[in-house]
Amino acid sequence: MLSRTHSFTPVGIDAQAVEVEVDLRSGGQESFTIIVGLPDAAVKESKERLFSAITNAGYAFPRLRTLINLAPADIKKQGPVFDLPMAVGILAALGQVPPPADHSHAFIGELALDGSVRPVKGALAAALASRDAGFRKLVVPRENADEAALVPGIEVHPVGSLAEAAHLLQAPALFDPHEIDRDALFVRARNYDVDFVDVRGQEHAKRAIEVAVAGGHNVLMVGPPGAGKTMLARRVPTIMPEMTLEEAVETTKIHSVRGLLGPDQPLIATRPFRAPHHTISDAGLIGGGMLIEPGEVSLSHNGVLFLDEFPEFTRRALEVLRQPLEDGKVTISRASGTLTFPARFMLIAAMNPCPCGYLGHPTKRCSCFPQQVVRYRTKVSGPLLDRIDLHIEMPAVEYRDLAARPAGEGSAALRARCQQARQRQLSRFAGTKTRCNAHMTSAALNEFCALDESARDVLKMAITDLGFSARAYDRVLRVSRTIADLAGSDCVRAEHVLEAVQYRALDRKYWDA
């Protein structure tokens, strides 16, 4: 007695189709179940769940030698997603349910001992893979229905138990596919809980953040504790261009694979904001592990990665940021294989001016020795600093700013200006892979950042008098181009370069003094 069902196993942020073959034969023992095809521990343990789930659902478990093969056999099978397809395969082999026609149904779901179906990770990836593989229907746990229904072109059928899945095969006409209004869901999920209007004082820093978002630049904020660095960083996503539906689905798929979607959050329609602790490992930051899962740089794809206490991260963790910052993706190689994850994010880093945090504070005394200050600052390497366009100094907030009522611009007004500047850049770089000023090539810099004589004089002063390094030259040009875009100017003028020079604090001579 042989039956076949189909399911999917996660591979990175995608899913791979798996054929579940069940063969029942008379053997030397009453009941003996073997699962082959490179199953991991969670899959191997499913044979114990299968017995209880099938019998408690009111069906007979075969008193035969049961062989379950997961094909292709050279791909590691992960997680409990195969519980439901294996159980359906056993029932089909026994003739208790009609066998699914070829490419008609695919199944994912974990079984509880009472026969109910529990949600699984990666339902969106499985739905995308199911559609691409030509399946007409995907049977999923009820809690994963909205997430899977985001994918057009495939019928999604939610079930709450093994008995309901069996009934679906016995009487398919009684079950309607689960449908959602993707556009309406997308609109409802686009609201943020914070707004830039809440930020008091720090007008210079707020302007710098606006410039950074308008051009897609990375930012390093330097200031004492309580200056508002974290508060500003958390509001950066609110002024970034609104996500498209395609970006939302792409972002949701990454979070779904990691099991980070909330029960009432089938779609992520706001820019992600990730703020890992400085004790995170390099694998946690860029991804990896035995199963090669995406890390924080991929979870912040299309959004913001905020690294507070920047110098306190390990040197190894900081250095692995260089590839995603440069390429917008990260490639991870392990003995089990090589996977590439998307990682196009905006980096917002924050640090104190010294270990105690109060160097230059107007009222509090710094307790650090000069050698400690130099050692603290040099924890951030030159190659990494080279990939951060704006260095913002944030002084302590004065009482009059704290006591004043919020009177600054809200996120909507700032986002509108940033969106307009991004549109200018998209038009300028049409037909190329470049999407914003931060990613301009050397050739693009020469073509789109031509300076008049006064602007060249300002840049010359920055290089000679202020001690700017050669690596800062291109960064200043890119930021100047963004400031010109915000001003609606087709050419880069002296005032644009002057403002850009202000955002290179760590390149000035006095920083190392």
Protein backbone atom coordinates (compact mmCIF):
# COMPACT_ATOMS: atom_id res chain seq x y z
CA MET A 1 0.00 0.00 0.00
CA LEU A 2 1.63 3.20 -1.25
CA SER A 3 0.52 6.83 -1.18
CA ARG A 4 2.04 10.20 -2.02
CA THR A 5 1.43 13.66 -0.60
CA HIS A 6 3.40 16.88 -0.91
CA SER A 7 4.81 19.44 1.47
CA PHE A 8 7.64 21.98 1.75
CA THR A 9 10.81 22.36 3.77
CA PRO A 10 12.42 25.74 4.52
CA VAL A 11 15.68 26.51 2.71
CA GLY A 12 16.91 29.89 3.90
CA ILE A 13 14.01 32.30 3.39
CA ASP A 14 12.50 30.16 0.62
CA ALA A 15 10.84 26.75 0.58
CA GLN A 16 11.63 23.55 -1.32
CA ALA A 17 8.91 21.15 -2.49
CA VAL A 18 9.08 17.72 -0.84
CA GLU A 19 7.27 14.57 -1.87
CA VAL A 20 6.08 12.51 1.10
CA GLU A 21 5.89 8.81 0.20
CA VAL A 22 4.21 6.39 2.60
CA ASP A 23 4.62 2.62 2.11
CA LEU A 24 2.78 0.12 4.34
CA ARG A 25 4.03 -3.50 4.37
CA SER A 26 3.62 -6.57 6.52
CA GLY A 27 6.69 -6.94 8.74
CA GLY A 28 7.97 -8.88 11.65
CA GLN A 29 6.50 -6.46 14.19
CA GLU A 30 3.00 -5.18 14.75
CA SER A 31 3.88 -1.55 14.26
CA PHE A 32 7.21 -0.09 13.17
CA THR A 33 7.65 3.36 11.61
CA ILE A 34 10.78 4.52 9.81
CA ILE A 35 11.29 8.05 8.40
CA VAL A 36 14.08 8.48 5.85
CA GLY A 37 15.24 11.32 3.59
CA LEU A 38 17.60 13.40 5.80
CA PRO A 39 15.06 14.27 8.53
CA ASP A 40 16.19 16.42 11.45
CA ALA A 41 15.32 15.63 15.06
CA ALA A 42 11.92 17.36 14.88
CA VAL A 43 10.95 15.29 11.85
CA LYS A 44 12.19 12.02 13.38
CA GLU A 45 10.16 12.62 16.53
CA SER A 46 7.01 13.10 14.48
CA LYS A 47 6.36 9.34 14.35
CA GLU A 48 5.41 9.50 18.05
CA ARG A 49 3.06 12.42 17.41
CA LEU A 50 1.57 10.67 14.38
CA PHE A 51 0.41 7.64 16.39
CA SER A 52 -1.38 9.70 19.05
CA ALA A 53 -2.79 12.27 16.61
CA ILE A 54 -4.22 9.68 14.21
CA THR A 55 -5.79 7.50 16.93
CA ASN A 56 -7.14 10.45 18.92
CA ALA A 57 -8.69 11.84 15.72
CA GLY A 58 -10.73 8.65 15.43
CA TYR A 59 -8.70 6.83 12.77
CA ALA A 60 -6.81 3.54 12.91
CA PHE A 61 -3.03 3.62 12.94
CA PRO A 62 -1.58 0.85 10.74
CA ARG A 63 -0.26 -2.22 12.55
CA LEU A 64 2.19 -2.66 9.71
CA ARG A 65 5.74 -1.74 8.86
CA THR A 66 5.43 1.93 7.89
CA LEU A 67 8.15 3.50 5.77
CA ILE A 68 7.97 7.24 5.13
CA ASN A 69 10.36 8.71 2.55
CA LEU A 70 10.89 12.45 2.15
CA ALA A 71 12.15 13.17 -1.36
CA PRO A 72 14.48 14.50 -2.64
CA ALA A 73 16.66 12.62 -0.19
CA ASP A 74 19.70 14.94 -0.47
CA ILE A 75 17.98 18.01 1.11
CA LYS A 76 17.80 18.37 4.89
CA LYS A 77 14.18 18.28 6.10
CA GLN A 78 13.54 20.65 8.98
CA GLY A 79 10.82 21.27 11.51
CA PRO A 80 7.40 19.80 12.28
CA VAL A 81 5.75 20.96 9.03
CA PHE A 82 5.63 17.36 7.76
CA ASP A 83 3.31 16.08 10.51
CA LEU A 84 0.12 16.83 8.59
CA PRO A 85 1.23 15.54 5.15
CA MET A 86 2.62 12.35 6.71
CA ALA A 87 -0.61 11.73 8.60
CA VAL A 88 -2.70 12.33 5.46
CA GLY A 89 -0.36 9.99 3.57
CA ILE A 90 -0.86 7.23 6.13
CA LEU A 91 -4.65 7.61 6.01
CA ALA A 92 -4.55 7.59 2.20
CA ALA A 93 -2.39 4.44 2.16
CA LEU A 94 -4.93 2.73 4.43
CA GLY A 95 -7.82 3.83 2.21
CA GLN A 96 -9.42 5.90 4.98
CA VAL A 97 -9.27 9.06 2.82
CA PRO A 98 -9.03 9.40 -0.97
CA PRO A 99 -5.45 9.96 -2.12
CA PRO A 100 -4.77 13.52 -3.35
CA ALA A 101 -4.47 13.79 -7.12
CA ASP A 102 -1.06 14.71 -8.49
CA HIS A 103 -0.31 18.41 -7.89
CA SER A 104 -3.78 19.01 -6.48
CA HIS A 105 -2.98 19.48 -2.78
CA ALA A 106 0.05 20.36 -0.68
CA PHE A 107 0.06 20.26 3.13
CA ILE A 108 1.96 21.93 5.97
CA GLY A 109 1.20 21.74 9.67
CA GLU A 110 2.29 20.40 13.05
CA LEU A 111 0.04 17.92 14.82
CA ALA A 112 -0.80 17.98 18.51
CA LEU A 113 -1.41 14.69 20.29
CA ASP A 114 -5.18 15.25 20.21
CA GLY A 115 -5.16 15.58 16.41
CA SER A 116 -5.41 19.36 16.25
CA VAL A 117 -3.16 21.29 13.87
CA ARG A 118 -0.71 23.86 15.20
CA PRO A 119 0.79 26.81 13.26
CA VAL A 120 4.23 26.55 11.68
CA LYS A 121 6.95 28.93 10.55
CA GLY A 122 7.40 29.88 6.90
CA ALA A 123 3.80 29.58 5.68
CA LEU A 124 4.26 32.50 3.27
CA ALA A 125 7.37 30.95 1.74
CA ALA A 126 5.52 27.64 1.42
CA ALA A 127 2.60 29.37 -0.34
CA LEU A 128 4.95 31.06 -2.81
CA ALA A 129 6.75 27.77 -3.50
CA SER A 130 3.43 25.93 -3.79
CA ARG A 131 2.16 28.34 -6.44
CA ASP A 132 5.44 28.23 -8.36
CA ALA A 133 5.43 24.41 -8.27
CA GLY A 134 1.98 24.29 -9.85
CA PHE A 135 -0.14 23.12 -6.91
CA ARG A 136 -3.76 24.20 -6.99
CA LYS A 137 -4.48 24.03 -3.25
CA LEU A 138 -2.42 24.50 -0.09
CA VAL A 139 -3.74 23.15 3.21
CA VAL A 140 -2.37 25.13 6.17
CA PRO A 141 -3.02 25.51 9.91
CA ARG A 142 -5.85 27.93 10.59
CA GLU A 143 -3.53 30.44 12.28
CA ASN A 144 -1.39 30.63 9.11
CA ALA A 145 -4.32 31.19 6.72
CA ASP A 146 -4.08 34.99 6.35
CA GLU A 147 -0.33 34.83 5.84
CA ALA A 148 -0.54 32.16 3.14
CA ALA A 149 -3.50 33.87 1.43
CA LEU A 150 -1.27 36.87 0.63
CA VAL A 151 -0.06 34.88 -2.38
CA PRO A 152 -2.36 35.16 -5.41
CA GLY A 153 -2.84 32.27 -7.80
CA ILE A 154 -3.36 29.46 -5.28
CA GLU A 155 -6.27 28.31 -3.11
CA VAL A 156 -5.51 28.31 0.62
CA HIS A 157 -7.56 25.96 2.81
CA PRO A 158 -7.14 26.40 6.58
CA VAL A 159 -7.78 23.43 8.87
CA GLY A 160 -7.88 23.13 12.64
CA SER A 161 -7.49 19.37 12.94
CA LEU A 162 -6.46 16.22 11.12
CA ALA A 163 -10.12 15.19 10.89
CA GLU A 164 -10.92 18.45 9.11
CA ALA A 165 -8.07 17.85 6.64
CA ALA A 166 -9.41 14.37 5.97
CA HIS A 167 -12.93 15.75 5.46
CA LEU A 168 -11.49 18.26 2.97
CA LEU A 169 -10.23 15.38 0.82
CA GLN A 170 -13.47 13.44 1.20
CA ALA A 171 -15.82 16.32 0.36
CA PRO A 172 -13.83 19.13 -1.29
CA ALA A 173 -16.98 20.86 -2.60
CA LEU A 174 -17.97 21.75 0.97
CA PHE A 175 -14.86 23.85 1.55
CA ASP A 176 -14.32 27.33 0.12
CA PRO A 177 -10.79 28.72 -0.15
CA HIS A 178 -9.71 31.32 2.38
CA GLU A 179 -9.47 34.79 0.86
CA ILE A 180 -8.31 38.17 2.15
CA ASP A 181 -8.23 41.67 0.70
CA ARG A 182 -4.48 42.20 0.37
CA ASP A 183 -4.74 45.88 -0.48
CA ALA A 184 -7.07 46.66 2.43
CA LEU A 185 -4.86 44.69 4.83
CA PHE A 186 -1.81 46.53 3.52
CA VAL A 187 -3.44 49.93 4.13
CA ARG A 188 -4.57 48.99 7.66
CA ALA A 189 -1.10 47.78 8.68
CA ARG A 190 0.81 50.90 7.60
CA ASN A 191 0.45 52.89 10.82
CA TYR A 192 3.37 53.68 13.15
CA ASP A 193 3.14 54.06 16.92
CA VAL A 194 5.69 56.91 17.11
CA ASP A 195 6.14 60.24 15.35
CA PHE A 196 8.92 62.78 14.87
CA VAL A 197 6.77 65.46 16.45
CA ASP A 198 7.59 63.88 19.83
CA VAL A 199 11.29 64.80 19.55
CA ARG A 200 12.19 68.00 21.37
CA GLY A 201 15.36 69.91 20.61
CA GLN A 202 18.21 68.39 18.56
CA GLU A 203 17.22 70.31 15.43
CA HIS A 204 20.64 69.72 13.90
CA ALA A 205 20.32 65.97 14.40
CA LYS A 206 16.77 65.89 13.03
CA ARG A 207 17.92 67.69 9.90
CA ALA A 208 20.78 65.23 9.49
CA ILE A 209 18.39 62.28 9.82
CA GLU A 210 16.18 63.81 7.14
CA VAL A 211 19.19 64.10 4.82
CA ALA A 212 20.21 60.52 5.58
CA VAL A 213 16.77 59.10 4.81
CA ALA A 214 16.41 61.20 1.65
CA GLY A 215 19.60 59.70 0.21
CA GLY A 216 19.63 56.27 1.85
CA HIS A 217 22.77 57.12 3.83
CA ASN A 218 24.03 55.36 6.96
CA VAL A 219 24.35 57.42 10.14
CA LEU A 220 26.49 57.42 13.29
CA MET A 221 25.23 59.54 16.20
CA VAL A 222 27.70 60.62 18.90
CA GLY A 223 26.41 62.10 22.13
CA PRO A 224 26.09 61.66 25.92
CA PRO A 225 23.48 59.42 27.57
CA GLY A 226 20.04 60.99 27.42
CA ALA A 227 20.71 63.09 24.34
CA GLY A 228 17.90 61.37 22.45
CA LYS A 229 19.88 59.05 20.14
CA THR A 230 17.57 56.06 20.62
CA MET A 231 14.44 58.21 20.42
CA LEU A 232 15.54 59.62 17.08
CA ALA A 233 16.55 56.22 15.72
CA ARG A 234 13.17 54.66 16.53
CA ARG A 235 11.45 57.34 14.46
CA VAL A 236 13.62 56.96 11.36
CA PRO A 237 11.29 54.32 9.77
CA THR A 238 8.37 56.76 10.04
CA ILE A 239 9.95 59.19 7.55
CA MET A 240 11.27 56.60 5.10
CA PRO A 241 9.32 56.21 1.84
CA GLU A 242 6.23 54.09 2.38
CA MET A 243 6.66 50.42 1.60
CA THR A 244 5.24 48.97 -1.57
CA LEU A 245 3.15 45.80 -1.39
CA GLU A 246 5.99 43.85 -2.99
CA GLU A 247 8.43 45.10 -0.34
CA ALA A 248 5.93 44.22 2.38
CA VAL A 249 5.57 40.63 1.14
CA GLU A 250 9.34 40.26 0.83
CA THR A 251 9.87 41.54 4.36
CA THR A 252 7.05 39.40 5.75
CA LYS A 253 8.57 36.26 4.23
CA ILE A 254 11.84 36.80 6.10
CA HIS A 255 10.07 37.30 9.44
CA SER A 256 7.77 34.36 8.76
CA VAL A 257 10.68 31.97 8.25
CA ARG A 258 12.05 33.04 11.64
CA GLY A 259 8.62 32.65 13.27
CA LEU A 260 8.45 36.32 14.27
CA LEU A 261 4.99 37.18 12.95
CA GLY A 262 2.43 37.93 15.63
CA PRO A 263 -0.92 36.10 15.73
CA ASP A 264 -2.70 39.18 14.32
CA GLN A 265 0.11 40.27 12.01
CA PRO A 266 -0.04 38.35 8.72
CA LEU A 267 1.64 41.21 6.83
CA ILE A 268 4.44 43.62 7.78
CA ALA A 269 3.57 46.89 6.07
CA THR A 270 5.80 49.25 8.08
CA ARG A 271 9.55 49.57 7.77
CA PRO A 272 11.26 47.10 10.13
CA PHE A 273 13.25 48.47 13.05
CA ARG A 274 15.73 46.05 14.60
CA ALA A 275 17.87 46.94 17.63
CA PRO A 276 20.00 43.95 18.71
CA HIS A 277 21.97 44.11 21.97
CA HIS A 278 25.70 44.67 21.73
CA THR A 279 26.35 41.15 23.10
CA ILE A 280 24.99 39.59 19.90
CA SER A 281 27.27 37.17 18.06
CA ASP A 282 28.34 37.61 14.46
CA ALA A 283 26.07 34.69 13.48
CA GLY A 284 23.12 36.36 15.18
CA LEU A 285 23.87 39.58 13.35
CA ILE A 286 24.36 38.35 9.79
CA GLY A 287 22.74 34.92 10.05
CA GLY A 288 23.97 31.37 10.22
CA GLY A 289 23.67 28.55 12.72
CA MET A 290 23.26 24.86 12.03
CA LEU A 291 20.16 25.49 9.91
CA ILE A 292 21.44 28.76 8.35
CA GLU A 293 18.72 31.18 9.39
CA PRO A 294 18.63 34.89 8.49
CA GLY A 295 20.13 37.25 11.05
CA GLU A 296 19.38 40.80 12.16
CA VAL A 297 20.73 42.39 8.96
CA SER A 298 18.14 40.43 6.95
CA LEU A 299 15.35 40.99 9.47
CA SER A 300 15.98 44.73 9.00
CA HIS A 301 15.82 44.41 5.19
CA ASN A 302 13.85 47.35 3.74
CA GLY A 303 14.10 49.06 7.12
CA VAL A 304 16.49 50.18 9.85
CA LEU A 305 19.20 48.36 11.78
CA PHE A 306 19.98 50.28 14.97
CA LEU A 307 23.20 49.47 16.80
CA ASP A 308 23.31 51.28 20.12
CA GLU A 309 26.60 51.37 22.07
CA PHE A 310 28.33 50.84 18.73
CA PRO A 311 31.92 50.35 20.02
CA GLU A 312 30.72 47.73 22.52
CA PHE A 313 29.87 45.25 19.77
CA THR A 314 32.63 42.70 19.21
CA ARG A 315 35.13 43.54 16.50
CA ARG A 316 34.16 40.38 14.61
CA ALA A 317 30.46 41.27 14.69
CA LEU A 318 31.14 44.77 13.39
CA GLU A 319 33.45 43.63 10.60
CA VAL A 320 30.88 41.20 9.17
CA LEU A 321 28.65 44.21 8.51
CA ARG A 322 30.90 45.35 5.70
CA GLN A 323 29.52 42.98 3.03
CA PRO A 324 25.81 43.71 3.58
CA LEU A 325 26.50 47.45 3.81
CA GLU A 326 28.32 47.31 0.49
CA ASP A 327 26.25 44.75 -1.46
CA GLY A 328 22.79 44.85 0.12
CA LYS A 329 22.93 41.09 0.68
CA VAL A 330 24.84 38.60 2.78
CA THR A 331 26.19 35.22 1.71
CA ILE A 332 26.65 32.56 4.39
CA SER A 333 28.67 29.40 3.74
CA ARG A 334 28.53 26.39 6.02
CA ALA A 335 29.27 22.69 5.62
CA SER A 336 25.57 22.15 4.95
CA GLY A 337 25.52 24.62 2.03
CA THR A 338 25.68 28.25 0.94
CA LEU A 339 22.74 30.65 1.13
CA THR A 340 22.31 34.31 0.22
CA PHE A 341 19.88 36.53 2.15
CA PRO A 342 18.72 40.05 1.25
CA ALA A 343 20.10 42.76 3.56
CA ARG A 344 19.38 46.20 2.11
CA PHE A 345 18.92 48.27 5.25
CA MET A 346 19.73 51.70 6.62
CA LEU A 347 22.31 51.52 9.43
CA ILE A 348 21.80 53.86 12.39
CA ALA A 349 24.60 53.54 14.94
CA ALA A 350 24.99 55.39 18.24
CA MET A 351 27.90 55.82 20.63
CA ASN A 352 29.08 57.97 23.51
CA PRO A 353 31.97 60.42 23.01
CA CYS A 354 33.97 58.47 25.63
CA PRO A 355 33.55 55.37 27.83
CA CYS A 356 31.79 57.24 30.64
CA GLY A 357 29.76 59.24 28.14
CA TYR A 358 30.31 62.74 29.49
CA LEU A 359 33.26 64.11 27.54
CA GLY A 360 32.34 67.68 26.61
CA HIS A 361 29.16 67.64 28.74
CA PRO A 362 28.25 71.16 29.98
CA THR A 363 27.47 70.11 33.58
CA LYS A 364 28.89 66.62 34.19
CA ARG A 365 32.57 65.83 34.51
CA CYS A 366 34.25 63.20 32.35
CA SER A 367 36.16 60.56 34.36
CA CYS A 368 38.06 58.98 31.43
CA PHE A 369 41.80 59.14 30.77
CA PRO A 370 42.88 60.26 27.28
CA GLN A 371 44.15 56.77 26.47
CA GLN A 372 40.75 55.30 27.36
CA VAL A 373 39.01 57.74 25.05
CA VAL A 374 41.29 56.91 22.13
CA ARG A 375 40.96 53.17 22.75
CA TYR A 376 37.17 53.46 22.91
CA ARG A 377 36.87 55.39 19.65
CA THR A 378 39.26 53.18 17.70
CA LYS A 379 37.08 50.12 18.36
CA VAL A 380 35.21 51.20 15.23
CA SER A 381 37.52 50.36 12.33
CA GLY A 382 38.30 52.70 9.43
CA PRO A 383 36.83 50.39 6.73
CA LEU A 384 33.53 50.21 8.62
CA LEU A 385 33.49 53.93 9.35
CA ASP A 386 34.11 54.45 5.65
CA ARG A 387 30.66 53.01 4.94
CA ILE A 388 28.88 55.51 7.21
CA ASP A 389 28.16 58.77 5.41
CA LEU A 390 26.92 60.99 8.23
CA HIS A 391 28.52 61.48 11.66
CA ILE A 392 26.22 63.53 13.88
CA GLU A 393 27.22 65.19 17.15
CA MET A 394 24.34 65.37 19.62
CA PRO A 395 24.85 67.57 22.70
CA ALA A 396 22.85 67.18 25.90
CA VAL A 397 19.30 68.53 25.58
CA GLU A 398 18.75 71.80 27.42
CA TYR A 399 15.90 72.37 29.85
CA ARG A 400 14.12 74.92 27.67
CA ASP A 401 13.84 72.33 24.91
CA LEU A 402 12.53 69.66 27.29
CA ALA A 403 9.97 72.02 28.82
CA ALA A 404 8.71 73.35 25.49
CA ARG A 405 5.67 71.89 23.86
CA PRO A 406 6.39 69.78 20.79
CA ALA A 407 6.42 72.23 17.90
CA GLY A 408 8.57 70.45 15.33
CA GLU A 409 7.42 68.89 12.11
CA GLY A 410 5.70 65.54 12.18
CA SER A 411 6.76 62.42 10.34
CA ALA A 412 4.27 62.93 7.50
CA ALA A 413 5.83 66.25 6.40
CA LEU A 414 9.38 64.90 6.65
CA ARG A 415 8.42 61.73 4.78
CA ALA A 416 6.88 63.77 1.96
CA ARG A 417 10.13 65.68 1.43
CA CYS A 418 12.23 62.53 1.60
CA GLN A 419 9.91 60.81 -0.87
CA GLN A 420 10.20 63.73 -3.28
CA ALA A 421 14.01 63.63 -3.07
CA ARG A 422 13.98 59.86 -3.67
CA GLN A 423 11.84 60.36 -6.77
CA ARG A 424 14.42 62.76 -8.18
CA GLN A 425 17.09 60.13 -7.62
CA LEU A 426 15.06 57.35 -9.22
CA SER A 427 14.59 59.52 -12.31
CA ARG A 428 18.29 60.38 -12.38
CA PHE A 429 19.42 56.77 -12.12
CA ALA A 430 16.75 55.30 -14.42
CA GLY A 431 18.11 52.34 -16.37
CA THR A 432 20.81 51.54 -13.79
CA LYS A 433 20.95 49.39 -10.65
CA THR A 434 21.44 52.48 -8.47
CA ARG A 435 18.36 53.54 -6.53
CA CYS A 436 19.62 56.30 -4.23
CA ASN A 437 22.56 58.66 -3.80
CA ALA A 438 24.22 56.54 -1.11
CA HIS A 439 24.92 53.82 -3.67
CA MET A 440 26.31 56.02 -6.44
CA THR A 441 29.32 54.60 -8.28
CA SER A 442 32.46 56.63 -9.03
CA ALA A 443 31.25 57.19 -12.57
CA ALA A 444 27.90 58.45 -11.29
CA LEU A 445 29.67 60.80 -8.88
CA ASN A 446 31.62 62.34 -11.73
CA GLU A 447 28.48 62.71 -13.83
CA PHE A 448 25.96 63.96 -11.29
CA CYS A 449 28.09 65.73 -8.67
CA ALA A 450 29.91 68.33 -10.71
CA LEU A 451 30.92 71.27 -8.49
CA ASP A 452 31.25 74.93 -9.33
CA GLU A 453 34.34 76.87 -8.24
CA SER A 454 32.95 77.99 -4.86
CA ALA A 455 31.86 74.44 -4.00
CA ARG A 456 35.30 73.10 -4.93
CA ASP A 457 36.91 75.69 -2.64
CA VAL A 458 34.75 74.52 0.26
CA LEU A 459 35.66 70.89 -0.33
CA LYS A 460 39.35 71.78 -0.62
CA MET A 461 39.15 73.51 2.74
CA ALA A 462 37.58 70.41 4.28
CA ILE A 463 40.38 68.19 3.01
CA THR A 464 43.24 70.50 4.00
CA ASP A 465 42.19 72.63 6.95
CA LEU A 466 39.84 70.26 8.77
CA GLY A 467 42.00 67.19 8.19
CA PHE A 468 39.40 65.18 6.28
CA SER A 469 40.72 61.90 4.94
CA ALA A 470 40.64 60.94 1.29
CA ARG A 471 37.91 58.39 1.99
CA ALA A 472 35.61 61.21 3.17
CA TYR A 473 35.75 62.94 -0.21
CA ASP A 474 33.22 60.68 -1.98
CA ARG A 475 31.01 60.59 1.10
CA VAL A 476 30.76 64.37 1.22
CA LEU A 477 29.90 64.46 -2.48
CA ARG A 478 27.11 61.91 -2.05
CA VAL A 479 25.61 63.74 0.91
CA SER A 480 25.93 67.08 -0.90
CA ARG A 481 23.99 65.63 -3.82
CA THR A 482 21.22 64.54 -1.44
CA ILE A 483 21.03 67.97 0.21
CA ALA A 484 20.72 69.51 -3.27
CA ASP A 485 17.89 67.07 -4.05
CA LEU A 486 16.04 68.12 -0.89
CA ALA A 487 16.43 71.73 -2.00
CA GLY A 488 15.17 70.89 -5.50
CA SER A 489 18.47 71.94 -7.06
CA ASP A 490 19.87 70.29 -10.17
CA CYS A 491 23.44 71.31 -9.33
CA VAL A 492 25.52 70.96 -6.17
CA ARG A 493 26.28 74.38 -4.70
CA ALA A 494 28.67 75.63 -2.01
CA GLU A 495 25.96 75.75 0.65
CA HIS A 496 25.14 72.09 0.03
CA VAL A 497 28.79 71.10 0.45
CA LEU A 498 29.10 73.22 3.58
CA GLU A 499 26.20 71.41 5.21
CA ALA A 500 27.57 68.02 4.17
CA VAL A 501 30.94 68.88 5.75
CA GLN A 502 29.19 69.42 9.09
CA TYR A 503 28.11 65.78 9.07
CA ARG A 504 31.68 64.37 9.10
CA ALA A 505 32.57 64.86 12.78
CA LEU A 506 34.76 61.76 13.03
CA ASP A 507 36.98 62.93 10.15
CA ARG A 508 38.01 66.16 11.84
CA LYS A 509 41.41 66.58 13.45
CA TYR A 510 40.06 67.36 16.90
CA TRP A 511 38.28 64.00 17.16
CA ASP A 512 41.56 62.21 17.83
CA ALA A 513 42.91 64.95 20.09
